[in-house]
N, C-alpha and C. Protein backbone atom coordinates (compact mmCIF):
# COMPACT_ATOMS: atom_id res chain seq x y z
N MET A 1 2.30 -19.91 -27.31
CA MET A 1 0.95 -19.86 -27.77
C MET A 1 0.28 -19.17 -28.01
N ALA A 2 -0.65 -19.55 -28.82
CA ALA A 2 -2.06 -18.60 -29.82
C ALA A 2 -2.58 -18.53 -28.77
N ASN A 3 -3.45 -16.80 -28.43
CA ASN A 3 -4.11 -16.01 -27.84
C ASN A 3 -5.35 -16.80 -28.96
N LYS A 4 -6.85 -17.12 -27.56
CA LYS A 4 -7.69 -17.55 -27.15
C LYS A 4 -8.74 -16.66 -28.15
N LYS A 5 -9.17 -17.06 -28.95
CA LYS A 5 -10.54 -15.75 -29.29
C LYS A 5 -11.49 -15.86 -29.01
N LEU A 6 -12.49 -14.67 -29.11
CA LEU A 6 -14.06 -14.96 -28.29
C LEU A 6 -14.54 -15.82 -29.09
N GLN A 7 -15.57 -16.05 -29.23
CA GLN A 7 -16.52 -16.67 -29.25
C GLN A 7 -17.86 -15.30 -30.16
N GLU A 8 -18.37 -15.76 -31.24
CA GLU A 8 -19.45 -14.48 -30.98
C GLU A 8 -20.46 -14.37 -30.35
N LYS A 9 -20.42 -13.16 -29.66
CA LYS A 9 -21.32 -12.89 -28.75
C LYS A 9 -21.07 -12.80 -27.11
N SER A 10 -20.09 -13.07 -27.21
CA SER A 10 -19.61 -14.25 -25.92
C SER A 10 -19.84 -12.89 -24.78
N LYS A 11 -20.10 -13.73 -23.89
CA LYS A 11 -20.89 -12.58 -22.94
C LYS A 11 -19.39 -12.43 -21.87
N TYR A 12 -18.10 -12.30 -22.12
CA TYR A 12 -17.06 -11.79 -22.50
C TYR A 12 -16.18 -10.78 -23.33
N GLU A 13 -17.37 -10.28 -24.34
CA GLU A 13 -16.72 -9.75 -25.11
C GLU A 13 -16.94 -7.99 -24.96
N LYS A 14 -17.22 -8.33 -23.58
CA LYS A 14 -17.95 -6.41 -23.09
C LYS A 14 -16.30 -6.12 -22.41
N TYR A 15 -15.44 -7.27 -21.65
CA TYR A 15 -14.00 -6.92 -21.68
C TYR A 15 -13.14 -6.69 -22.43
N ASP A 16 -13.36 -6.88 -24.10
CA ASP A 16 -11.92 -6.76 -25.02
C ASP A 16 -12.43 -5.41 -25.46
N LEU A 17 -11.72 -4.48 -24.53
CA LEU A 17 -12.06 -2.99 -24.84
C LEU A 17 -11.43 -2.77 -26.21
N ASN A 18 -10.06 -3.57 -27.08
CA ASN A 18 -9.98 -2.53 -28.25
C ASN A 18 -10.11 -3.16 -29.41
N GLY A 19 -11.39 -4.14 -28.83
CA GLY A 19 -12.02 -4.74 -30.34
C GLY A 19 -11.33 -5.55 -31.48
N ASP A 20 -10.31 -6.46 -30.38
CA ASP A 20 -9.47 -7.66 -31.27
C ASP A 20 -9.66 -9.01 -30.91
N GLY A 21 -11.27 -8.81 -30.66
CA GLY A 21 -11.23 -10.11 -30.11
C GLY A 21 -10.45 -11.53 -29.50
N VAL A 22 -9.65 -10.67 -28.38
CA VAL A 22 -8.86 -11.32 -27.35
C VAL A 22 -9.22 -10.09 -26.49
N VAL A 23 -9.27 -11.14 -25.16
CA VAL A 23 -9.28 -10.36 -23.98
C VAL A 23 -8.26 -10.89 -22.85
N THR A 24 -7.24 -9.83 -23.03
CA THR A 24 -6.18 -9.78 -21.98
C THR A 24 -6.24 -9.37 -20.37
N ASP A 25 -5.55 -9.87 -20.26
CA ASP A 25 -5.59 -9.78 -18.22
C ASP A 25 -5.84 -8.00 -18.31
N ALA A 26 -4.92 -7.53 -19.00
CA ALA A 26 -4.57 -5.88 -18.60
C ALA A 26 -5.87 -5.42 -19.23
N GLU A 27 -6.96 -6.26 -19.88
CA GLU A 27 -8.15 -5.70 -21.09
C GLU A 27 -8.94 -5.90 -19.29
N PHE A 28 -9.05 -7.16 -18.59
CA PHE A 28 -9.81 -7.33 -17.76
C PHE A 28 -9.71 -6.66 -16.30
N GLU A 29 -8.34 -6.41 -16.56
CA GLU A 29 -8.16 -6.12 -14.76
C GLU A 29 -8.25 -4.30 -15.03
N MET A 30 -8.13 -3.56 -16.28
CA MET A 30 -8.96 -2.32 -16.52
C MET A 30 -10.25 -2.28 -16.61
N ASP A 31 -11.38 -3.11 -16.72
CA ASP A 31 -12.76 -3.31 -16.15
C ASP A 31 -13.01 -4.05 -14.84
N GLN A 32 -12.14 -4.29 -14.21
CA GLN A 32 -12.21 -4.64 -13.23
C GLN A 32 -12.04 -3.13 -11.79
N LYS A 33 -11.28 -2.70 -12.47
CA LYS A 33 -10.99 -1.25 -12.03
C LYS A 33 -12.24 -0.27 -11.96
N LEU A 34 -12.88 -0.50 -13.53
CA LEU A 34 -13.65 0.79 -13.52
C LEU A 34 -15.23 0.10 -13.05
N ILE A 35 -15.01 -1.13 -12.63
CA ILE A 35 -16.45 -1.19 -12.01
C ILE A 35 -16.41 -0.92 -10.27
N ARG A 36 -15.06 -1.09 -9.96
CA ARG A 36 -14.33 -0.74 -8.55
C ARG A 36 -14.69 0.90 -8.20
N LEU A 37 -14.24 1.71 -9.03
CA LEU A 37 -14.83 3.04 -9.54
C LEU A 37 -15.84 3.19 -9.61
N GLU A 38 -17.09 2.60 -10.11
CA GLU A 38 -18.35 3.05 -9.90
C GLU A 38 -19.15 3.01 -8.67
N ASN A 39 -18.62 1.65 -8.51
CA ASN A 39 -19.42 1.19 -6.97
C ASN A 39 -18.57 2.12 -5.82
N GLU A 40 -17.42 2.86 -6.16
CA GLU A 40 -17.20 3.88 -4.57
C GLU A 40 -17.67 4.87 -5.20
N ASP A 41 -18.62 5.38 -6.19
CA ASP A 41 -19.07 6.53 -6.76
C ASP A 41 -20.26 6.49 -6.11
N LYS A 42 -21.26 5.00 -6.62
CA LYS A 42 -22.26 5.09 -5.99
C LYS A 42 -22.39 4.96 -4.26
N LYS A 43 -21.21 4.43 -3.47
CA LYS A 43 -21.45 4.64 -1.96
C LYS A 43 -21.26 5.86 -1.53
N GLU A 44 -20.25 6.61 -1.96
CA GLU A 44 -20.20 8.07 -2.18
C GLU A 44 -21.18 8.85 -2.32
N ASP A 45 -22.22 8.63 -2.81
CA ASP A 45 -23.18 9.26 -3.49
C ASP A 45 -23.99 8.99 -2.08
N ALA A 46 -24.72 7.58 -1.96
CA ALA A 46 -25.26 7.54 -1.02
C ALA A 46 -25.31 7.80 0.13
N GLN A 47 -23.87 7.70 0.67
CA GLN A 47 -23.42 8.62 2.19
C GLN A 47 -23.96 9.89 1.97
N ARG A 48 -23.42 10.52 1.18
CA ARG A 48 -23.76 12.50 1.17
C ARG A 48 -25.61 12.27 0.64
N HIS A 49 -26.03 11.80 0.50
CA HIS A 49 -27.64 11.87 0.33
C HIS A 49 -27.92 11.34 1.61
N MET A 50 -26.89 10.36 2.52
CA MET A 50 -27.76 9.76 3.86
C MET A 50 -27.80 11.14 4.86
N ALA A 51 -26.78 12.06 4.76
CA ALA A 51 -25.85 12.87 5.73
C ALA A 51 -26.96 13.81 5.42
N TRP A 52 -27.78 14.27 4.05
CA TRP A 52 -28.25 15.52 3.70
C TRP A 52 -29.82 14.94 4.38
N PHE A 53 -30.06 13.91 4.12
CA PHE A 53 -31.57 13.48 4.83
C PHE A 53 -31.58 13.55 6.18
N ALA A 54 -30.13 12.94 6.71
CA ALA A 54 -30.28 13.61 8.68
C ALA A 54 -30.05 14.98 8.83
N LEU A 55 -29.10 15.93 7.84
CA LEU A 55 -29.80 17.49 8.14
C LEU A 55 -30.80 17.67 8.15
N SER A 56 -31.76 17.29 7.14
CA SER A 56 -33.33 17.50 7.11
C SER A 56 -33.64 17.59 7.78
N GLY A 57 -33.78 16.19 8.39
CA GLY A 57 -34.56 16.05 9.53
C GLY A 57 -34.07 17.22 10.67
N MET A 58 -33.11 17.27 10.38
CA MET A 58 -33.15 17.69 12.00
C MET A 58 -33.66 19.70 11.83
N LEU A 59 -33.82 19.85 10.70
CA LEU A 59 -34.27 20.90 10.36
C LEU A 59 -35.65 20.88 10.26
N LEU A 60 -36.19 20.02 10.08
CA LEU A 60 -37.89 20.01 10.09
C LEU A 60 -38.56 19.09 11.29
N TYR A 61 -37.70 18.46 12.25
CA TYR A 61 -38.25 18.26 13.68
C TYR A 61 -38.99 19.20 14.54
N PRO A 62 -37.77 20.54 14.72
CA PRO A 62 -38.89 21.49 15.17
C PRO A 62 -39.82 22.20 14.25
N LEU A 63 -40.13 22.23 13.24
CA LEU A 63 -41.28 22.31 12.43
C LEU A 63 -42.42 20.94 12.65
N ALA A 64 -42.00 20.02 12.46
CA ALA A 64 -43.46 19.08 13.63
C ALA A 64 -43.69 19.32 14.60
N MET A 65 -43.03 19.45 15.56
CA MET A 65 -43.32 20.42 17.25
C MET A 65 -44.41 21.32 16.75
N ILE A 66 -43.70 22.67 15.93
CA ILE A 66 -44.48 23.91 16.12
C ILE A 66 -45.94 23.16 15.36
N ILE A 67 -45.96 22.58 14.23
CA ILE A 67 -46.93 21.92 14.13
C ILE A 67 -48.33 21.32 14.98
N SER A 68 -47.37 20.14 15.10
CA SER A 68 -48.27 19.20 16.29
C SER A 68 -48.51 20.50 17.27
N ALA A 69 -48.42 21.23 17.78
CA ALA A 69 -48.45 22.26 18.96
C ALA A 69 -49.54 23.20 18.67
N ILE A 70 -49.33 23.44 17.61
CA ILE A 70 -50.61 24.45 16.54
C ILE A 70 -51.80 23.35 15.95
N ALA A 71 -51.75 21.96 16.10
CA ALA A 71 -53.05 21.69 16.13
C ALA A 71 -53.29 20.69 16.82
N ASP A 72 -52.79 20.96 17.91
CA ASP A 72 -53.34 20.98 19.62
C ASP A 72 -53.41 19.41 19.84
N LEU A 73 -51.96 18.64 19.26
CA LEU A 73 -52.04 17.63 19.32
C LEU A 73 -51.29 17.67 21.12
N GLN A 74 -51.02 17.41 22.04
CA GLN A 74 -50.39 17.87 23.07
C GLN A 74 -50.01 16.41 23.43
N SER A 75 -50.34 14.96 22.94
CA SER A 75 -49.43 13.65 23.11
C SER A 75 -48.13 13.78 21.74
N ALA A 76 -48.68 14.57 20.91
CA ALA A 76 -47.60 14.44 19.72
C ALA A 76 -46.40 15.53 20.59
N VAL A 77 -46.83 16.56 20.91
CA VAL A 77 -45.72 17.47 21.35
C VAL A 77 -45.10 16.92 22.37
N ASP A 78 -45.33 16.03 23.37
CA ASP A 78 -44.90 15.38 24.04
C ASP A 78 -44.26 14.28 24.15
N ALA A 79 -44.62 13.81 23.23
CA ALA A 79 -43.63 12.54 22.69
C ALA A 79 -42.29 12.97 21.75
N LEU A 80 -42.84 14.03 21.14
CA LEU A 80 -41.51 14.70 19.85
C LEU A 80 -40.80 15.20 20.79
N SER A 81 -40.63 16.13 22.02
CA SER A 81 -39.85 16.85 23.06
C SER A 81 -38.63 15.48 24.02
N ASP A 82 -39.82 14.17 24.37
CA ASP A 82 -38.95 13.43 25.04
C ASP A 82 -38.36 12.90 24.01
N ILE A 83 -38.27 12.78 23.11
CA ILE A 83 -36.84 12.29 22.17
C ILE A 83 -35.91 12.84 21.54
N ALA A 84 -36.85 14.33 21.16
CA ALA A 84 -35.32 15.35 21.03
C ALA A 84 -33.93 15.25 21.29
N PRO A 85 -33.53 15.19 22.23
CA PRO A 85 -32.29 15.07 22.54
C PRO A 85 -31.36 13.68 21.94
N THR A 86 -31.83 12.60 22.29
CA THR A 86 -31.53 11.36 21.33
C THR A 86 -31.88 11.75 20.39
N TYR A 87 -32.62 12.12 19.09
CA TYR A 87 -33.06 12.45 17.93
C TYR A 87 -31.43 12.61 18.06
N PHE A 88 -31.57 14.66 18.22
CA PHE A 88 -30.40 15.38 17.63
C PHE A 88 -28.85 14.98 18.54
N VAL A 89 -28.62 14.34 19.20
CA VAL A 89 -27.26 13.82 19.36
C VAL A 89 -26.98 12.50 18.29
N SER A 90 -27.84 11.52 17.71
CA SER A 90 -27.87 10.44 17.37
C SER A 90 -27.75 10.58 15.68
N VAL A 91 -27.79 11.96 15.38
CA VAL A 91 -28.10 12.85 13.87
C VAL A 91 -27.22 13.08 13.58
N ALA A 92 -26.61 13.97 15.09
CA ALA A 92 -25.00 14.81 14.98
C ALA A 92 -23.67 14.05 14.95
N ALA A 93 -24.08 13.20 15.31
CA ALA A 93 -23.28 11.66 15.33
C ALA A 93 -22.96 11.53 14.08
N LEU A 94 -23.71 11.15 13.40
CA LEU A 94 -24.07 10.60 12.00
C LEU A 94 -23.52 11.73 11.06
N VAL A 95 -23.62 12.66 11.08
CA VAL A 95 -22.97 14.23 9.90
C VAL A 95 -21.70 13.97 10.56
N ALA A 96 -21.57 14.03 11.37
CA ALA A 96 -20.20 14.21 11.83
C ALA A 96 -19.05 13.12 11.49
N ALA A 97 -19.53 11.95 11.65
CA ALA A 97 -18.84 11.00 11.36
C ALA A 97 -18.42 10.78 9.88
N PHE A 98 -19.65 11.77 8.95
CA PHE A 98 -19.95 11.47 7.56
C PHE A 98 -18.52 12.82 7.06
N PHE A 99 -18.67 14.13 8.08
CA PHE A 99 -17.87 15.12 7.58
C PHE A 99 -16.16 14.88 8.25
N GLY A 100 -16.48 13.90 8.96
CA GLY A 100 -14.85 13.61 9.22
C GLY A 100 -14.56 12.41 8.35
N LYS A 101 -14.71 11.74 8.46
CA LYS A 101 -14.07 10.68 7.30
C LYS A 101 -14.24 11.63 5.84
N GLU A 102 -14.82 12.32 5.38
CA GLU A 102 -14.72 13.19 4.19
C GLU A 102 -13.51 14.15 4.38
N ALA A 103 -12.95 15.01 5.59
CA ALA A 103 -12.26 15.52 6.07
C ALA A 103 -11.06 14.69 5.95
N TYR A 104 -10.29 13.42 6.23
CA TYR A 104 -9.60 12.65 6.44
C TYR A 104 -9.54 11.95 5.76
N VAL A 105 -10.12 11.78 4.39
CA VAL A 105 -10.04 11.00 3.67
C VAL A 105 -9.53 12.03 2.38
N LYS A 106 -9.96 13.58 2.20
CA LYS A 106 -9.02 14.56 1.64
C LYS A 106 -7.72 15.28 1.69
N SER A 107 -7.39 14.57 3.36
CA SER A 107 -6.31 14.84 3.52
C SER A 107 -5.24 14.00 3.52
N LYS A 108 -5.46 12.70 3.51
CA LYS A 108 -4.95 11.81 3.39
C LYS A 108 -4.56 11.59 2.06
N ASP A 109 -5.44 11.55 0.83
CA ASP A 109 -5.35 12.58 -0.90
C ASP A 109 -4.27 13.35 -0.86
N ALA A 110 -4.17 14.67 -0.36
CA ALA A 110 -3.35 15.91 -0.24
C ALA A 110 -2.24 15.63 0.26
N SER A 111 -2.21 14.20 1.03
CA SER A 111 -0.70 14.10 1.97
C SER A 111 0.52 13.14 0.65
N ALA A 112 -1.06 12.35 0.08
CA ALA A 112 -0.71 11.38 -0.63
C ALA A 112 0.15 12.00 -2.05
N SER A 113 -0.56 13.03 -2.34
CA SER A 113 -0.03 13.60 -3.95
C SER A 113 1.33 14.85 -3.10
N VAL A 114 1.54 14.82 -2.25
CA VAL A 114 2.82 15.54 -1.71
C VAL A 114 3.66 14.81 -2.09
N LYS A 115 3.79 14.12 -1.47
CA LYS A 115 4.65 12.32 -1.16
C LYS A 115 4.87 12.45 -2.92
N LYS A 116 3.97 12.09 -3.23
CA LYS A 116 4.54 12.30 -4.91
C LYS A 116 5.24 12.85 -5.78
N GLU A 117 4.92 14.22 -5.48
CA GLU A 117 5.33 15.97 -5.90
C GLU A 117 6.87 15.34 -5.66
N GLU A 118 7.19 14.88 -4.44
CA GLU A 118 8.71 15.30 -3.37
C GLU A 118 9.90 14.02 -4.27
N LYS A 119 9.25 13.13 -4.47
CA LYS A 119 9.77 11.94 -5.30
C LYS A 119 10.48 12.56 -7.01
N TRP A 120 9.67 13.45 -7.41
CA TRP A 120 10.24 13.63 -8.24
C TRP A 120 11.20 15.21 -8.43
């Protein structure tokens, strides 16, 4: 059976990695794997930014209370101090979950590479 050639300027042309005008299953799968890797990388970047944003908020929260006290905004100080325990526990749980997941993934990858070496 003859391979089907791509039309000129086909929307599938980007999958033809070797430029022979034919999109093989291997080329299509490789493109899908690359897309999946890019998406995972973007997800990890977003999670990292979220964790750093949450940590920044934890550091700036006391500063907001001090500024409110200096500006003589007693109602703001009261409101901030009322929600502080809930805020700090929530942010700490979020950051702990992120770093816990990272440690788990790292240990899982390390054990997988050890098992791979044992096979050899």
